[in-house]
């Protein structure tokens, strides 16, 4: 499925991960690890969390900051998630 702006539609699970990361960064001033994403979003494997995060990176909602600790390198981009119906 394609969204109105031409990108792929973000699914509910990806939306949950995006908002978890967004709130985690706001609360702790650092991005969560994949293990913390699994715990916060009730995901059973880190590889599944990695796939969801990778999709958000590919869509431009997140990016990896190569200048900081490898475990906490996610940051939000200026592109904001909007609920697509």
Protein backbone atom coordinates (compact mmCIF):
# COMPACT_ATOMS: atom_id res chain seq x y z
CA UNK A 1 0.00 0.00 0.00
CA UNK A 2 1.19 3.47 -0.82
CA UNK A 3 0.48 6.60 1.20
CA UNK A 4 -0.63 9.93 -0.22
CA UNK A 5 2.94 11.27 -0.35
CA UNK A 6 4.15 8.29 -2.43
CA UNK A 7 5.91 6.38 0.38
CA UNK A 8 4.92 3.03 1.80
CA UNK A 9 2.25 3.03 4.47
CA UNK A 10 3.49 2.53 8.01
CA UNK A 11 1.69 -0.32 9.73
CA UNK A 12 0.32 -0.33 13.29
CA UNK A 13 3.28 -2.22 14.78
CA UNK A 14 5.74 0.18 13.14
CA UNK A 15 3.69 3.10 14.45
CA UNK A 16 3.89 1.66 17.97
CA UNK A 17 7.67 1.32 17.69
CA UNK A 18 7.97 4.89 16.36
CA UNK A 19 5.98 6.35 19.24
CA UNK A 20 7.85 4.22 21.79
CA UNK A 21 11.18 5.52 20.48
CA UNK A 22 9.86 9.09 20.38
CA UNK A 23 8.65 8.96 24.01
CA UNK A 24 11.78 7.13 25.18
CA UNK A 25 14.04 9.83 23.71
CA UNK A 26 11.89 12.56 25.28
CA UNK A 27 12.02 10.89 28.70
CA UNK A 28 15.65 9.68 28.83
CA UNK A 29 17.44 11.96 26.31
CA UNK A 30 18.89 8.86 24.63
CA UNK A 31 17.50 6.38 22.15
CA UNK A 32 16.45 2.90 23.30
CA UNK A 33 18.36 -0.28 22.56
CA UNK A 34 16.68 -3.01 20.54
CA UNK A 35 16.18 -4.96 23.78
CA UNK A 36 14.35 -1.97 25.32
CA UNK A 37 12.23 -1.64 22.18
CA UNK A 38 11.29 -5.32 22.51
CA UNK A 39 10.30 -4.86 26.15
CA UNK A 40 8.39 -1.63 25.57
CA UNK A 41 6.46 -2.86 22.53
CA UNK A 42 6.03 -6.50 23.57
CA UNK A 43 8.10 -7.84 20.70
CA UNK A 44 9.62 -11.28 21.27
CA UNK A 45 12.81 -11.04 19.19
CA UNK A 46 15.39 -8.36 18.61
CA UNK A 47 15.53 -9.27 14.93
CA UNK A 48 11.84 -8.40 14.56
CA UNK A 49 12.44 -5.06 16.33
CA UNK A 50 15.41 -4.47 14.02
CA UNK A 51 13.20 -5.08 10.96
CA UNK A 52 10.57 -2.63 12.20
CA UNK A 53 13.19 0.03 12.95
CA UNK A 54 14.87 -0.57 9.57
CA UNK A 55 11.56 0.08 7.83
CA UNK A 56 11.14 3.34 9.76
CA UNK A 57 14.67 4.34 8.75
CA UNK A 58 13.96 3.47 5.10
CA UNK A 59 10.77 5.57 5.20
CA UNK A 60 12.66 8.54 6.68
CA UNK A 61 11.07 8.66 10.14
CA UNK A 62 14.28 7.66 11.94
CA UNK A 63 17.97 7.83 11.18
CA UNK A 64 21.06 6.30 12.69
CA UNK A 65 23.63 8.68 14.14
CA UNK A 66 27.04 7.15 13.41
CA UNK A 67 28.84 9.53 15.81
CA UNK A 68 27.58 8.03 19.07
CA UNK A 69 27.45 4.72 20.95
CA UNK A 70 26.40 1.92 18.60
CA UNK A 71 23.67 0.72 20.99
CA UNK A 72 21.91 4.09 21.17
CA UNK A 73 22.28 5.64 17.75
CA UNK A 74 18.66 6.19 16.64
CA UNK A 75 17.27 9.68 16.32
CA UNK A 76 14.07 11.18 15.00
CA UNK A 77 14.07 13.03 11.71
CA UNK A 78 12.05 16.11 10.85
CA UNK A 79 9.54 13.89 9.06
CA UNK A 80 6.69 13.32 11.48
CA UNK A 81 4.49 10.27 11.56
CA UNK A 82 0.87 10.93 10.63
CA UNK A 83 -1.84 8.35 11.10
CA UNK A 84 -2.89 7.05 7.70
CA UNK A 85 -6.40 5.64 7.35
